[in-house]
Amino acid sequence: MSPLAELFHACLHPVLVPIVLFLHWWVIWFTIGRSFRPTGKLLLLARTVSLGGGYALYATGALGLADPQLQGNTLGWIVALVAAWLWFWNIEVATFAWVMRRKRRSWRWKPYDLAVLGVAHAVYLLGAALIA
């Protein structure tokens, strides 16, 4: 399997999922203004879209077939981490912005919120890389 396919597969590990849900819930809580129900809904929507899309790429074989001979080198893993980070971060940023701008027209991302969301994804993907 390619390193990117292994990362997407490891993102569904039962130990990692609750950790990332808590991190993302906390980021959304502070981003949209500390309200419980919208935070939960936005978290579920964003994680379903980003993780569902990643899993679809993995499940369809678009990221490479399961071949025991195919092992990624260090550069391959670095590229896979960056690609997965960009995938998750961009999809979730766009999802949050789409939902929030429909509810509050004047809503904009603050640089701090974008950075914290990016760090949360980096922590998540590093954990997935260690598991994979």
C-alpha atoms as a PDB file:
ATOM      1  CA  MET A   1       0.000   0.000   0.000  1.00  0.00           C
ATOM      2  CA  SER A   2       1.189   3.518  -0.644  1.00  0.00           C
ATOM      3  CA  PRO A   3       2.049   5.701   2.360  1.00  0.00           C
ATOM      4  CA  LEU A   4      -0.944   7.951   1.638  1.00  0.00           C
ATOM      5  CA  ALA A   5      -3.301   4.958   1.548  1.00  0.00           C
ATOM      6  CA  GLU A   6      -1.838   3.696   4.826  1.00  0.00           C
ATOM      7  CA  LEU A   7      -2.373   7.128   6.413  1.00  0.00           C
ATOM      8  CA  PHE A   8      -6.007   7.313   5.341  1.00  0.00           C
ATOM      9  CA  HIS A   9      -6.542   3.799   6.665  1.00  0.00           C
ATOM     10  CA  ALA A  10      -4.788   4.562   9.982  1.00  0.00           C
ATOM     11  CA  CYS A  11      -6.941   7.675  10.466  1.00  0.00           C
ATOM     12  CA  LEU A  12      -9.812   5.330  11.336  1.00  0.00           C
ATOM     13  CA  HIS A  13      -7.935   3.625  14.174  1.00  0.00           C
ATOM     14  CA  PRO A  14     -10.218   3.293  17.243  1.00  0.00           C
ATOM     15  CA  VAL A  15      -7.663   4.928  19.556  1.00  0.00           C
ATOM     16  CA  LEU A  16      -7.089   7.891  17.274  1.00  0.00           C
ATOM     17  CA  VAL A  17     -10.696   8.765  16.381  1.00  0.00           C
ATOM     18  CA  PRO A  18     -11.821   9.879  19.895  1.00  0.00           C
ATOM     19  CA  ILE A  19      -8.670  11.969  20.309  1.00  0.00           C
ATOM     20  CA  VAL A  20      -9.172  13.816  17.051  1.00  0.00           C
ATOM     21  CA  LEU A  21     -12.869  14.296  17.716  1.00  0.00           C
ATOM     22  CA  PHE A  22     -12.048  15.979  21.022  1.00  0.00           C
ATOM     23  CA  LEU A  23      -9.335  18.191  19.472  1.00  0.00           C
ATOM     24  CA  HIS A  24     -11.569  19.257  16.606  1.00  0.00           C
ATOM     25  CA  TRP A  25     -14.556  19.803  18.849  1.00  0.00           C
ATOM     26  CA  TRP A  26     -12.467  22.108  21.028  1.00  0.00           C
ATOM     27  CA  VAL A  27     -11.210  24.083  18.006  1.00  0.00           C
ATOM     28  CA  ILE A  28     -14.737  24.491  16.632  1.00  0.00           C
ATOM     29  CA  TRP A  29     -16.060  25.437  20.077  1.00  0.00           C
ATOM     30  CA  PHE A  30     -13.752  28.454  20.204  1.00  0.00           C
ATOM     31  CA  THR A  31     -14.012  29.266  16.484  1.00  0.00           C
ATOM     32  CA  ILE A  32     -17.782  29.631  16.261  1.00  0.00           C
ATOM     33  CA  GLY A  33     -18.407  31.133  19.659  1.00  0.00           C
ATOM     34  CA  ARG A  34     -18.929  28.480  22.322  1.00  0.00           C
ATOM     35  CA  SER A  35     -22.289  26.980  21.514  1.00  0.00           C
ATOM     36  CA  PHE A  36     -22.782  23.270  22.062  1.00  0.00           C
ATOM     37  CA  ARG A  37     -25.315  22.080  19.458  1.00  0.00           C
ATOM     38  CA  PRO A  38     -23.846  23.905  16.414  1.00  0.00           C
ATOM     39  CA  THR A  39     -20.368  22.774  17.453  1.00  0.00           C
ATOM     40  CA  GLY A  40     -21.411  19.137  17.497  1.00  0.00           C
ATOM     41  CA  LYS A  41     -23.247  19.356  14.184  1.00  0.00           C
ATOM     42  CA  LEU A  42     -20.382  21.173  12.486  1.00  0.00           C
ATOM     43  CA  LEU A  43     -17.876  18.671  13.853  1.00  0.00           C
ATOM     44  CA  LEU A  44     -19.848  15.710  12.531  1.00  0.00           C
ATOM     45  CA  LEU A  45     -20.376  17.346   9.143  1.00  0.00           C
ATOM     46  CA  ALA A  46     -16.729  18.343   8.686  1.00  0.00           C
ATOM     47  CA  ARG A  47     -15.286  15.014   9.850  1.00  0.00           C
ATOM     48  CA  THR A  48     -17.778  13.070   7.714  1.00  0.00           C
ATOM     49  CA  VAL A  49     -16.875  15.046   4.607  1.00  0.00           C
ATOM     50  CA  SER A  50     -13.091  14.985   5.058  1.00  0.00           C
ATOM     51  CA  LEU A  51     -12.650  11.516   6.544  1.00  0.00           C
ATOM     52  CA  GLY A  52     -15.361  10.041   4.313  1.00  0.00           C
ATOM     53  CA  GLY A  53     -13.631  11.405   1.239  1.00  0.00           C
ATOM     54  CA  GLY A  54     -10.264  10.079   2.399  1.00  0.00           C
ATOM     55  CA  TYR A  55     -11.733   6.679   3.118  1.00  0.00           C
ATOM     56  CA  ALA A  56     -13.426   6.649  -0.299  1.00  0.00           C
ATOM     57  CA  LEU A  57     -10.047   7.272  -1.946  1.00  0.00           C
ATOM     58  CA  TYR A  58      -8.551   4.442   0.102  1.00  0.00           C
ATOM     59  CA  ALA A  59     -11.427   1.980  -0.414  1.00  0.00           C
ATOM     60  CA  THR A  60     -11.627   2.447  -4.180  1.00  0.00           C
ATOM     61  CA  GLY A  61      -7.935   1.702  -4.613  1.00  0.00           C
ATOM     62  CA  ALA A  62      -7.267   5.138  -6.108  1.00  0.00           C
ATOM     63  CA  LEU A  63      -4.230   5.510  -3.852  1.00  0.00           C
ATOM     64  CA  GLY A  64      -2.638   2.206  -4.799  1.00  0.00           C
ATOM     65  CA  LEU A  65      -3.331  -1.454  -4.438  1.00  0.00           C
ATOM     66  CA  ALA A  66      -2.493  -3.515  -1.375  1.00  0.00           C
ATOM     67  CA  ASP A  67       0.930  -4.780  -2.382  1.00  0.00           C
ATOM     68  CA  PRO A  68       3.301  -6.014   0.336  1.00  0.00           C
ATOM     69  CA  GLN A  69       6.264  -5.182  -1.925  1.00  0.00           C
ATOM     70  CA  LEU A  70       5.256  -1.514  -2.112  1.00  0.00           C
ATOM     71  CA  GLN A  71       6.862   0.204   0.857  1.00  0.00           C
ATOM     72  CA  GLY A  72       7.206   3.958   1.058  1.00  0.00           C
ATOM     73  CA  ASN A  73      10.548   5.578   1.733  1.00  0.00           C
ATOM     74  CA  THR A  74      11.065   8.599   3.971  1.00  0.00           C
ATOM     75  CA  LEU A  75      10.354  11.105   1.218  1.00  0.00           C
ATOM     76  CA  GLY A  76       7.200   9.204   0.286  1.00  0.00           C
ATOM     77  CA  TRP A  77       5.968   9.392   3.885  1.00  0.00           C
ATOM     78  CA  ILE A  78       6.737  13.109   4.141  1.00  0.00           C
ATOM     79  CA  VAL A  79       4.848  13.804   0.910  1.00  0.00           C
ATOM     80  CA  ALA A  80       1.960  11.609   2.113  1.00  0.00           C
ATOM     81  CA  LEU A  81       1.780  13.491   5.438  1.00  0.00           C
ATOM     82  CA  VAL A  82       1.744  16.867   3.703  1.00  0.00           C
ATOM     83  CA  ALA A  83      -0.844  15.717   1.139  1.00  0.00           C
ATOM     84  CA  ALA A  84      -3.120  14.249   3.827  1.00  0.00           C
ATOM     85  CA  TRP A  85      -2.721  17.366   5.987  1.00  0.00           C
ATOM     86  CA  LEU A  86      -3.671  19.592   3.055  1.00  0.00           C
ATOM     87  CA  TRP A  87      -6.598  17.296   2.213  1.00  0.00           C
ATOM     88  CA  PHE A  88      -8.115  17.322   5.701  1.00  0.00           C
ATOM     89  CA  TRP A  89      -7.307  20.937   6.538  1.00  0.00           C
ATOM     90  CA  ASN A  90      -8.605  22.438   3.280  1.00  0.00           C
ATOM     91  CA  ILE A  91     -11.782  20.382   3.177  1.00  0.00           C
ATOM     92  CA  GLU A  92     -12.654  21.192   6.781  1.00  0.00           C
ATOM     93  CA  VAL A  93     -11.815  24.889   6.437  1.00  0.00           C
ATOM     94  CA  ALA A  94     -14.052  25.094   3.372  1.00  0.00           C
ATOM     95  CA  THR A  95     -16.843  23.157   5.103  1.00  0.00           C
ATOM     96  CA  PHE A  96     -16.732  25.369   8.194  1.00  0.00           C
ATOM     97  CA  ALA A  97     -16.662  28.537   6.101  1.00  0.00           C
ATOM     98  CA  TRP A  98     -19.571  27.384   3.935  1.00  0.00           C
ATOM     99  CA  VAL A  99     -21.773  26.582   6.938  1.00  0.00           C
ATOM    100  CA  MET A 100     -20.812  29.616   9.018  1.00  0.00           C
ATOM    101  CA  ARG A 101     -21.243  32.120   6.178  1.00  0.00           C
ATOM    102  CA  ARG A 102     -24.739  30.819   5.603  1.00  0.00           C
ATOM    103  CA  LYS A 103     -25.574  31.436   9.273  1.00  0.00           C
ATOM    104  CA  ARG A 104     -23.627  34.677   9.811  1.00  0.00           C
ATOM    105  CA  ARG A 105     -22.697  36.655   6.732  1.00  0.00           C
ATOM    106  CA  SER A 106     -19.997  38.640   8.507  1.00  0.00           C
ATOM    107  CA  TRP A 107     -18.205  35.544   9.846  1.00  0.00           C
ATOM    108  CA  ARG A 108     -14.543  35.193   8.831  1.00  0.00           C
ATOM    109  CA  TRP A 109     -11.716  32.888   9.834  1.00  0.00           C
ATOM    110  CA  LYS A 110      -9.276  34.333  12.342  1.00  0.00           C
ATOM    111  CA  PRO A 111      -5.625  33.439  11.660  1.00  0.00           C
ATOM    112  CA  TYR A 112      -5.305  31.898  15.130  1.00  0.00           C
ATOM    113  CA  ASP A 113      -8.259  29.580  14.516  1.00  0.00           C
ATOM    114  CA  LEU A 114      -6.835  28.432  11.188  1.00  0.00           C
ATOM    115  CA  ALA A 115      -3.469  27.759  12.817  1.00  0.00           C
ATOM    116  CA  VAL A 116      -4.982  25.782  15.695  1.00  0.00           C
ATOM    117  CA  LEU A 117      -7.054  23.694  13.266  1.00  0.00           C
ATOM    118  CA  GLY A 118      -3.911  23.033  11.236  1.00  0.00           C
ATOM    119  CA  VAL A 119      -2.012  21.957  14.351  1.00  0.00           C
ATOM    120  CA  ALA A 120      -4.885  19.669  15.374  1.00  0.00           C
ATOM    121  CA  HIS A 121      -4.695  17.984  11.964  1.00  0.00           C
ATOM    122  CA  ALA A 122      -0.911  17.688  12.204  1.00  0.00           C
ATOM    123  CA  VAL A 123      -1.202  15.963  15.600  1.00  0.00           C
ATOM    124  CA  TYR A 124      -3.859  13.631  14.212  1.00  0.00           C
ATOM    125  CA  LEU A 125      -1.822  12.691  11.162  1.00  0.00           C
ATOM    126  CA  LEU A 126       1.389  12.187  13.129  1.00  0.00           C
ATOM    127  CA  GLY A 127      -0.524   9.796  15.359  1.00  0.00           C
ATOM    128  CA  ALA A 128      -1.847   8.007  12.265  1.00  0.00           C
ATOM    129  CA  ALA A 129       1.683   7.789  10.842  1.00  0.00           C
ATOM    130  CA  LEU A 130       2.929   6.210  14.056  1.00  0.00           C
ATOM    131  CA  ILE A 131       0.095   3.666  13.946  1.00  0.00           C
ATOM    132  CA  ALA A 132       0.518   2.873  10.217  1.00  0.00           C
END
